[in-house]
Amino acid sequence: MGNYIDLVLCKRDGKRELYQAPAWTLQKGDVVSVPLNNGTATAEVIAVMTVEDEVEKDRFAFALAATDATFPLRKVLGKVWISEFRYDEQG
């Protein structure tokens, strides 16, 4: 039995980038923190897929080639939680 790899396709600064998903579930539209060579950035999840590395080699290779990603993939650092707050000015 092969290993399953969860992939996350994200959009950042108009570019599509492929990352390995974390242990928790992500959905399309989530905002995540991703690693860069010189820090971190936020990106929007535009697709999530799971592939079995032995059975779906072609699908995995296509995902890598379509985004110019290299293996091993960088991992999503975390989900960005955006809280709505209100500031009431009293004067």
PDB file of N, CA and C in Angstrom:
ATOM      1  N   MET A   1       0.849  -1.180   0.000  1.00  0.00           N
ATOM      2  CA  MET A   1       0.000   0.000   0.000  1.00  0.00           C
ATOM      3  C   MET A   1       0.891   1.239   0.000  1.00  0.00           C
ATOM      4  N   GLY A   2       0.533   2.205  -0.798  1.00  0.00           N
ATOM      5  CA  GLY A   2       1.342   3.411  -0.943  1.00  0.00           C
ATOM      6  C   GLY A   2       1.061   4.451   0.114  1.00  0.00           C
ATOM      7  N   ASN A   3       1.840   5.487   0.067  1.00  0.00           N
ATOM      8  CA  ASN A   3       1.650   6.615   0.965  1.00  0.00           C
ATOM      9  C   ASN A   3       0.722   7.623   0.319  1.00  0.00           C
ATOM     10  N   TYR A   4      -0.123   8.222   1.122  1.00  0.00           N
ATOM     11  CA  TYR A   4      -1.007   9.263   0.634  1.00  0.00           C
ATOM     12  C   TYR A   4      -0.372  10.617   0.906  1.00  0.00           C
ATOM     13  N   ILE A   5      -0.443  11.495  -0.066  1.00  0.00           N
ATOM     14  CA  ILE A   5       0.107  12.838   0.071  1.00  0.00           C
ATOM     15  C   ILE A   5      -1.020  13.832  -0.187  1.00  0.00           C
ATOM     16  N   ASP A   6      -1.243  14.714   0.756  1.00  0.00           N
ATOM     17  CA  ASP A   6      -2.253  15.763   0.593  1.00  0.00           C
ATOM     18  C   ASP A   6      -1.574  16.983  -0.005  1.00  0.00           C
ATOM     19  N   LEU A   7      -2.104  17.450  -1.113  1.00  0.00           N
ATOM     20  CA  LEU A   7      -1.550  18.597  -1.823  1.00  0.00           C
ATOM     21  C   LEU A   7      -2.503  19.777  -1.730  1.00  0.00           C
ATOM     22  N   VAL A   8      -1.938  20.973  -1.655  1.00  0.00           N
ATOM     23  CA  VAL A   8      -2.727  22.197  -1.604  1.00  0.00           C
ATOM     24  C   VAL A   8      -2.209  23.130  -2.693  1.00  0.00           C
ATOM     25  N   LEU A   9      -3.082  23.506  -3.609  1.00  0.00           N
ATOM     26  CA  LEU A   9      -2.732  24.485  -4.635  1.00  0.00           C
ATOM     27  C   LEU A   9      -3.169  25.848  -4.116  1.00  0.00           C
ATOM     28  N   CYS A  10      -2.216  26.771  -4.031  1.00  0.00           N
ATOM     29  CA  CYS A  10      -2.488  28.097  -3.476  1.00  0.00           C
ATOM     30  C   CYS A  10      -2.190  29.177  -4.493  1.00  0.00           C
ATOM     31  N   LYS A  11      -2.850  30.318  -4.318  1.00  0.00           N
ATOM     32  CA  LYS A  11      -2.590  31.481  -5.159  1.00  0.00           C
ATOM     33  C   LYS A  11      -1.998  32.578  -4.282  1.00  0.00           C
ATOM     34  N   ARG A  12      -0.811  33.060  -4.724  1.00  0.00           N
ATOM     35  CA  ARG A  12      -0.123  34.126  -3.994  1.00  0.00           C
ATOM     36  C   ARG A  12       0.482  35.079  -5.003  1.00  0.00           C
ATOM     37  N   ASP A  13       0.150  36.348  -4.891  1.00  0.00           N
ATOM     38  CA  ASP A  13       0.671  37.369  -5.806  1.00  0.00           C
ATOM     39  C   ASP A  13       0.451  37.000  -7.272  1.00  0.00           C
ATOM     40  N   GLY A  14      -0.713  36.427  -7.581  1.00  0.00           N
ATOM     41  CA  GLY A  14      -1.050  36.078  -8.959  1.00  0.00           C
ATOM     42  C   GLY A  14      -0.411  34.798  -9.468  1.00  0.00           C
ATOM     43  N   LYS A  15       0.407  34.134  -8.640  1.00  0.00           N
ATOM     44  CA  LYS A  15       1.048  32.884  -9.042  1.00  0.00           C
ATOM     45  C   LYS A  15       0.406  31.717  -8.311  1.00  0.00           C
ATOM     46  N   ARG A  16       0.413  30.563  -8.969  1.00  0.00           N
ATOM     47  CA  ARG A  16      -0.083  29.344  -8.344  1.00  0.00           C
ATOM     48  C   ARG A  16       1.104  28.535  -7.839  1.00  0.00           C
ATOM     49  N   GLU A  17       0.994  28.090  -6.604  1.00  0.00           N
ATOM     50  CA  GLU A  17       2.078  27.346  -5.982  1.00  0.00           C
ATOM     51  C   GLU A  17       1.516  26.102  -5.304  1.00  0.00           C
ATOM     52  N   LEU A  18       2.287  25.036  -5.315  1.00  0.00           N
ATOM     53  CA  LEU A  18       1.865  23.766  -4.742  1.00  0.00           C
ATOM     54  C   LEU A  18       2.600  23.527  -3.428  1.00  0.00           C
ATOM     55  N   TYR A  19       1.849  23.122  -2.406  1.00  0.00           N
ATOM     56  CA  TYR A  19       2.408  22.842  -1.094  1.00  0.00           C
ATOM     57  C   TYR A  19       1.871  21.514  -0.589  1.00  0.00           C
ATOM     58  N   GLN A  20       2.563  20.953   0.377  1.00  0.00           N
ATOM     59  CA  GLN A  20       2.057  19.773   1.049  1.00  0.00           C
ATOM     60  C   GLN A  20       1.137  20.245   2.165  1.00  0.00           C
ATOM     61  N   ALA A  21      -0.009  19.600   2.270  1.00  0.00           N
ATOM     62  CA  ALA A  21      -1.008  20.013   3.255  1.00  0.00           C
ATOM     63  C   ALA A  21      -0.599  19.573   4.654  1.00  0.00           C
ATOM     64  N   PRO A  22      -1.059  20.302   5.661  1.00  0.00           N
ATOM     65  CA  PRO A  22      -0.806  19.924   7.048  1.00  0.00           C
ATOM     66  C   PRO A  22      -1.733  18.788   7.466  1.00  0.00           C
ATOM     67  N   ALA A  23      -1.625  18.394   8.722  1.00  0.00           N
ATOM     68  CA  ALA A  23      -2.442  17.290   9.237  1.00  0.00           C
ATOM     69  C   ALA A  23      -3.921  17.658   9.361  1.00  0.00           C
ATOM     70  N   TRP A  24      -4.217  18.942   9.457  1.00  0.00           N
ATOM     71  CA  TRP A  24      -5.617  19.351   9.587  1.00  0.00           C
ATOM     72  C   TRP A  24      -6.210  19.609   8.208  1.00  0.00           C
ATOM     73  N   THR A  25      -7.517  19.676   8.153  1.00  0.00           N
ATOM     74  CA  THR A  25      -8.224  19.806   6.889  1.00  0.00           C
ATOM     75  C   THR A  25      -8.279  21.256   6.420  1.00  0.00           C
ATOM     76  N   LEU A  26      -7.957  21.460   5.167  1.00  0.00           N
ATOM     77  CA  LEU A  26      -8.090  22.761   4.529  1.00  0.00           C
ATOM     78  C   LEU A  26      -9.140  22.666   3.441  1.00  0.00           C
ATOM     79  N   GLN A  27      -9.758  23.793   3.137  1.00  0.00           N
ATOM     80  CA  GLN A  27     -10.782  23.844   2.102  1.00  0.00           C
ATOM     81  C   GLN A  27     -10.489  24.994   1.158  1.00  0.00           C
ATOM     82  N   LYS A  28     -11.067  24.908  -0.017  1.00  0.00           N
ATOM     83  CA  LYS A  28     -10.948  25.985  -0.995  1.00  0.00           C
ATOM     84  C   LYS A  28     -11.434  27.279  -0.357  1.00  0.00           C
ATOM     85  N   GLY A  29     -10.659  28.350  -0.546  1.00  0.00           N
ATOM     86  CA  GLY A  29     -11.022  29.649   0.015  1.00  0.00           C
ATOM     87  C   GLY A  29     -10.326  29.970   1.323  1.00  0.00           C
ATOM     88  N   ASP A  30      -9.756  28.964   1.992  1.00  0.00           N
ATOM     89  CA  ASP A  30      -9.022  29.224   3.237  1.00  0.00           C
ATOM     90  C   ASP A  30      -7.787  30.069   2.942  1.00  0.00           C
ATOM     91  N   VAL A  31      -7.390  30.869   3.906  1.00  0.00           N
ATOM     92  CA  VAL A  31      -6.154  31.655   3.806  1.00  0.00           C
ATOM     93  C   VAL A  31      -5.131  30.970   4.705  1.00  0.00           C
ATOM     94  N   VAL A  32      -3.949  30.718   4.149  1.00  0.00           N
ATOM     95  CA  VAL A  32      -2.920  29.991   4.881  1.00  0.00           C
ATOM     96  C   VAL A  32      -1.606  30.760   4.875  1.00  0.00           C
ATOM     97  N   SER A  33      -0.752  30.415   5.813  1.00  0.00           N
ATOM     98  CA  SER A  33       0.601  30.955   5.874  1.00  0.00           C
ATOM     99  C   SER A  33       1.523  29.938   5.212  1.00  0.00           C
ATOM    100  N   VAL A  34       2.366  30.418   4.288  1.00  0.00           N
ATOM    101  CA  VAL A  34       3.276  29.536   3.557  1.00  0.00           C
ATOM    102  C   VAL A  34       4.708  30.049   3.692  1.00  0.00           C
ATOM    103  N   PRO A  35       5.677  29.126   3.647  1.00  0.00           N
ATOM    104  CA  PRO A  35       7.070  29.534   3.787  1.00  0.00           C
ATOM    105  C   PRO A  35       7.643  30.097   2.490  1.00  0.00           C
ATOM    106  N   LEU A  36       8.512  31.069   2.634  1.00  0.00           N
ATOM    107  CA  LEU A  36       9.285  31.623   1.526  1.00  0.00           C
ATOM    108  C   LEU A  36      10.758  31.449   1.853  1.00  0.00           C
ATOM    109  N   ASN A  37      11.619  31.739   0.911  1.00  0.00           N
ATOM    110  CA  ASN A  37      13.056  31.662   1.188  1.00  0.00           C
ATOM    111  C   ASN A  37      13.478  32.653   2.271  1.00  0.00           C
ATOM    112  N   ASN A  38      12.767  33.777   2.347  1.00  0.00           N
ATOM    113  CA  ASN A  38      13.147  34.824   3.302  1.00  0.00           C
ATOM    114  C   ASN A  38      11.991  35.222   4.216  1.00  0.00           C
ATOM    115  N   GLY A  39      11.251  34.260   4.707  1.00  0.00           N
ATOM    116  CA  GLY A  39      10.155  34.570   5.614  1.00  0.00           C
ATOM    117  C   GLY A  39       8.912  33.770   5.294  1.00  0.00           C
ATOM    118  N   THR A  40       7.759  34.424   5.492  1.00  0.00           N
ATOM    119  CA  THR A  40       6.474  33.780   5.228  1.00  0.00           C
ATOM    120  C   THR A  40       5.565  34.746   4.470  1.00  0.00           C
ATOM    121  N   ALA A  41       4.496  34.194   3.919  1.00  0.00           N
ATOM    122  CA  ALA A  41       3.498  34.992   3.216  1.00  0.00           C
ATOM    123  C   ALA A  41       2.146  34.326   3.399  1.00  0.00           C
ATOM    124  N   THR A  42       1.103  35.051   3.055  1.00  0.00           N
ATOM    125  CA  THR A  42      -0.230  34.455   3.067  1.00  0.00           C
ATOM    126  C   THR A  42      -0.633  34.114   1.645  1.00  0.00           C
ATOM    127  N   ALA A  43      -1.427  33.067   1.518  1.00  0.00           N
ATOM    128  CA  ALA A  43      -1.891  32.611   0.212  1.00  0.00           C
ATOM    129  C   ALA A  43      -3.310  32.066   0.362  1.00  0.00           C
ATOM    130  N   GLU A  44      -4.059  32.072  -0.734  1.00  0.00           N
ATOM    131  CA  GLU A  44      -5.414  31.543  -0.725  1.00  0.00           C
ATOM    132  C   GLU A  44      -5.418  30.142  -1.309  1.00  0.00           C
ATOM    133  N   VAL A  45      -6.081  29.218  -0.622  1.00  0.00           N
ATOM    134  CA  VAL A  45      -6.203  27.854  -1.113  1.00  0.00           C
ATOM    135  C   VAL A  45      -7.208  27.845  -2.264  1.00  0.00           C
ATOM    136  N   ILE A  46      -6.784  27.338  -3.428  1.00  0.00           N
ATOM    137  CA  ILE A  46      -7.698  27.272  -4.571  1.00  0.00           C
ATOM    138  C   ILE A  46      -8.060  25.831  -4.940  1.00  0.00           C
ATOM    139  N   ALA A  47      -7.328  24.843  -4.399  1.00  0.00           N
ATOM    140  CA  ALA A  47      -7.675  23.438  -4.624  1.00  0.00           C
ATOM    141  C   ALA A  47      -6.937  22.572  -3.613  1.00  0.00           C
ATOM    142  N   VAL A  48      -7.593  21.490  -3.223  1.00  0.00           N
ATOM    143  CA  VAL A  48      -7.006  20.514  -2.316  1.00  0.00           C
ATOM    144  C   VAL A  48      -7.195  19.147  -2.944  1.00  0.00           C
ATOM    145  N   MET A  49      -6.142  18.326  -2.956  1.00  0.00           N
ATOM    146  CA  MET A  49      -6.292  16.973  -3.473  1.00  0.00           C
ATOM    147  C   MET A  49      -5.380  16.021  -2.714  1.00  0.00           C
ATOM    148  N   THR A  50      -5.791  14.766  -2.684  1.00  0.00           N
ATOM    149  CA  THR A  50      -5.004  13.714  -2.069  1.00  0.00           C
ATOM    150  C   THR A  50      -4.611  12.734  -3.157  1.00  0.00           C
ATOM    151  N   VAL A  51      -3.344  12.380  -3.204  1.00  0.00           N
ATOM    152  CA  VAL A  51      -2.880  11.399  -4.185  1.00  0.00           C
ATOM    153  C   VAL A  51      -2.143  10.281  -3.464  1.00  0.00           C
ATOM    154  N   GLU A  52      -2.237   9.074  -4.015  1.00  0.00           N
ATOM    155  CA  GLU A  52      -1.467   7.953  -3.505  1.00  0.00           C
ATOM    156  C   GLU A  52      -0.216   7.863  -4.368  1.00  0.00           C
ATOM    157  N   ASP A  53       0.936   7.975  -3.765  1.00  0.00           N
ATOM    158  CA  ASP A  53       2.171   8.126  -4.527  1.00  0.00           C
ATOM    159  C   ASP A  53       2.485   6.948  -5.447  1.00  0.00           C
ATOM    160  N   GLU A  54       2.052   5.742  -5.118  1.00  0.00           N
ATOM    161  CA  GLU A  54       2.343   4.594  -5.978  1.00  0.00           C
ATOM    162  C   GLU A  54       1.311   4.417  -7.086  1.00  0.00           C
ATOM    163  N   VAL A  55       0.046   4.674  -6.788  1.00  0.00           N
ATOM    164  CA  VAL A  55      -1.031   4.428  -7.743  1.00  0.00           C
ATOM    165  C   VAL A  55      -1.236   5.614  -8.678  1.00  0.00           C
ATOM    166  N   GLU A  56      -1.125   6.816  -8.168  1.00  0.00           N
ATOM    167  CA  GLU A  56      -1.445   8.015  -8.943  1.00  0.00           C
ATOM    168  C   GLU A  56      -0.198   8.832  -9.278  1.00  0.00           C
ATOM    169  N   LYS A  57       0.835   8.160  -9.697  1.00  0.00           N
ATOM    170  CA  LYS A  57       2.094   8.839 -10.016  1.00  0.00           C
ATOM    171  C   LYS A  57       1.906   9.889 -11.105  1.00  0.00           C
ATOM    172  N   ASP A  58       1.094   9.593 -12.112  1.00  0.00           N
ATOM    173  CA  ASP A  58       0.879  10.539 -13.210  1.00  0.00           C
ATOM    174  C   ASP A  58       0.173  11.801 -12.725  1.00  0.00           C
ATOM    175  N   ARG A  59      -0.824  11.634 -11.888  1.00  0.00           N
ATOM    176  CA  ARG A  59      -1.560  12.784 -11.355  1.00  0.00           C
ATOM    177  C   ARG A  59      -0.644  13.655 -10.500  1.00  0.00           C
ATOM    178  N   PHE A  60       0.190  13.019  -9.689  1.00  0.00           N
ATOM    179  CA  PHE A  60       1.128  13.737  -8.844  1.00  0.00           C
ATOM    180  C   PHE A  60       2.164  14.472  -9.694  1.00  0.00           C
ATOM    181  N   ALA A  61       2.699  13.798 -10.697  1.00  0.00           N
ATOM    182  CA  ALA A  61       3.691  14.410 -11.591  1.00  0.00           C
ATOM    183  C   ALA A  61       3.079  15.588 -12.344  1.00  0.00           C
ATOM    184  N   PHE A  62       1.812  15.469 -12.753  1.00  0.00           N
ATOM    185  CA  PHE A  62       1.139  16.563 -13.453  1.00  0.00           C
ATOM    186  C   PHE A  62       1.008  17.775 -12.539  1.00  0.00           C
ATOM    187  N   ALA A  63       0.619  17.550 -11.298  1.00  0.00           N
ATOM    188  CA  ALA A  63       0.471  18.661 -10.346  1.00  0.00           C
ATOM    189  C   ALA A  63       1.807  19.357 -10.121  1.00  0.00           C
ATOM    190  N   LEU A  64       2.881  18.599 -10.019  1.00  0.00           N
ATOM    191  CA  LEU A  64       4.207  19.193  -9.852  1.00  0.00           C
ATOM    192  C   LEU A  64       4.600  20.010 -11.080  1.00  0.00           C
ATOM    193  N   ALA A  65       4.394  19.439 -12.256  1.00  0.00           N
ATOM    194  CA  ALA A  65       4.790  20.111 -13.496  1.00  0.00           C
ATOM    195  C   ALA A  65       3.948  21.355 -13.764  1.00  0.00           C
ATOM    196  N   ALA A  66       2.681  21.310 -13.437  1.00  0.00           N
ATOM    197  CA  ALA A  66       1.776  22.429 -13.723  1.00  0.00           C
ATOM    198  C   ALA A  66       2.112  23.667 -12.907  1.00  0.00           C
ATOM    199  N   THR A  67       2.790  23.489 -11.791  1.00  0.00           N
ATOM    200  CA  THR A  67       3.101  24.625 -10.924  1.00  0.00           C
ATOM    201  C   THR A  67       4.601  24.888 -10.835  1.00  0.00           C
ATOM    202  N   ASP A  68       5.406  24.173 -11.587  1.00  0.00           N
ATOM    203  CA  ASP A  68       6.866  24.283 -11.521  1.00  0.00           C
ATOM    204  C   ASP A  68       7.384  24.015 -10.112  1.00  0.00           C
ATOM    205  N   ALA A  69       6.675  23.191  -9.363  1.00  0.00           N
ATOM    206  CA  ALA A  69       7.089  22.857  -8.008  1.00  0.00           C
ATOM    207  C   ALA A  69       8.211  21.830  -8.051  1.00  0.00           C
ATOM    208  N   THR A  70       8.983  21.792  -6.991  1.00  0.00           N
ATOM    209  CA  THR A  70      10.034  20.794  -6.868  1.00  0.00           C
ATOM    210  C   THR A  70       9.757  19.942  -5.635  1.00  0.00           C
ATOM    211  N   PHE A  71      10.259  18.736  -5.676  1.00  0.00           N
ATOM    212  CA  PHE A  71      10.049  17.816  -4.575  1.00  0.00           C
ATOM    213  C   PHE A  71      11.304  17.761  -3.728  1.00  0.00           C
ATOM    214  N   PRO A  72      11.287  17.768  -2.427  1.00  0.00           N
ATOM    215  CA  PRO A  72      10.094  17.707  -1.584  1.00  0.00           C
ATOM    216  C   PRO A  72       9.380  19.048  -1.517  1.00  0.00           C
ATOM    217  N   LEU A  73       8.087  18.976  -1.399  1.00  0.00           N
ATOM    218  CA  LEU A  73       7.276  20.189  -1.334  1.00  0.00           C
ATOM    219  C   LEU A  73       7.419  20.855   0.028  1.00  0.00           C
ATOM    220  N   ARG A  74       7.322  22.167   0.020  1.00  0.00           N
ATOM    221  CA  ARG A  74       7.252  22.892   1.290  1.00  0.00           C
ATOM    222  C   ARG A  74       5.874  22.645   1.886  1.00  0.00           C
ATOM    223  N   LYS A  75       5.803  22.701   3.208  1.00  0.00           N
ATOM    224  CA  LYS A  75       4.542  22.440   3.897  1.00  0.00           C
ATOM    225  C   LYS A  75       3.866  23.740   4.304  1.00  0.00           C
ATOM    226  N   VAL A  76       2.547  23.740   4.222  1.00  0.00           N
ATOM    227  CA  VAL A  76       1.751  24.868   4.716  1.00  0.00           C
ATOM    228  C   VAL A  76       2.049  25.016   6.204  1.00  0.00           C
ATOM    229  N   LEU A  77       2.296  26.242   6.653  1.00  0.00           N
ATOM    230  CA  LEU A  77       2.648  26.483   8.048  1.00  0.00           C
ATOM    231  C   LEU A  77       1.435  26.533   8.962  1.00  0.00           C
ATOM    232  N   GLY A  78       0.330  27.062   8.461  1.00  0.00           N
ATOM    233  CA  GLY A  78      -0.860  27.161   9.293  1.00  0.00           C
ATOM    234  C   GLY A  78      -1.966  27.917   8.598  1.00  0.00           C
ATOM    235  N   LYS A  79      -3.122  27.811   9.163  1.00  0.00           N
ATOM    236  CA  LYS A  79      -4.284  28.520   8.644  1.00  0.00           C
ATOM    237  C   LYS A  79      -4.320  29.900   9.288  1.00  0.00           C
ATOM    238  N   VAL A  80      -4.637  30.909   8.509  1.00  0.00           N
ATOM    239  CA  VAL A  80      -4.727  32.273   9.012  1.00  0.00           C
ATOM    240  C   VAL A  80      -6.171  32.524   9.414  1.00  0.00           C
ATOM    241  N   TRP A  81      -6.343  32.837  10.666  1.00  0.00           N
ATOM    242  CA  TRP A  81      -7.688  33.116  11.185  1.00  0.00           C
ATOM    243  C   TRP A  81      -7.863  34.621  11.227  1.00  0.00           C
ATOM    244  N   ILE A  82      -8.853  35.100  10.527  1.00  0.00           N
ATOM    245  CA  ILE A  82      -9.121  36.532  10.472  1.00  0.00           C
ATOM    246  C   ILE A  82     -10.345  36.818  11.333  1.00  0.00           C
ATOM    247  N   SER A  83     -10.133  37.593  12.358  1.00  0.00           N
ATOM    248  CA  SER A  83     -11.217  37.948  13.263  1.00  0.00           C
ATOM    249  C   SER A  83     -11.740  39.327  12.922  1.00  0.00           C
ATOM    250  N   GLU A  84     -13.033  39.454  12.965  1.00  0.00           N
ATOM    251  CA  GLU A  84     -13.634  40.756  12.725  1.00  0.00           C
ATOM    252  C   GLU A  84     -13.738  41.481  14.056  1.00  0.00           C
ATOM    253  N   PHE A  85     -13.294  42.708  14.077  1.00  0.00           N
ATOM    254  CA  PHE A  85     -13.434  43.485  15.299  1.00  0.00           C
ATOM    255  C   PHE A  85     -13.932  44.869  14.936  1.00  0.00           C
ATOM    256  N   ARG A  86     -14.509  45.522  15.907  1.00  0.00           N
ATOM    257  CA  ARG A  86     -15.032  46.865  15.686  1.00  0.00           C
ATOM    258  C   ARG A  86     -14.431  47.812  16.709  1.00  0.00           C
ATOM    259  N   TYR A  87     -14.147  48.994  16.253  1.00  0.00           N
ATOM    260  CA  TYR A  87     -13.596  50.010  17.130  1.00  0.00           C
ATOM    261  C   TYR A  87     -14.658  51.092  17.262  1.00  0.00           C
ATOM    262  N   ASP A  88     -15.144  51.268  18.451  1.00  0.00           N
ATOM    263  CA  ASP A  88     -16.145  52.312  18.710  1.00  0.00           C
ATOM    264  C   ASP A  88     -15.444  53.517  19.313  1.00  0.00           C
ATOM    265  N   GLU A  89     -15.475  54.595  18.570  1.00  0.00           N
ATOM    266  CA  GLU A  89     -14.828  55.812  19.053  1.00  0.00           C
ATOM    267  C   GLU A  89     -15.791  56.543  19.975  1.00  0.00           C
ATOM    268  N   GLN A  90     -15.332  56.788  21.186  1.00  0.00           N
ATOM    269  CA  GLN A  90     -16.160  57.512  22.134  1.00  0.00           C
ATOM    270  C   GLN A  90     -15.509  58.849  22.425  1.00  0.00           C
ATOM    271  N   GLY A  91     -16.257  59.878  22.375  1.00  0.00           N
ATOM    272  CA  GLY A  91     -15.634  61.179  22.573  1.00  0.00           C
ATOM    273  C   GLY A  91     -16.493  62.209  23.137  1.00  0.00           C
TER     274      GLY A  91
END
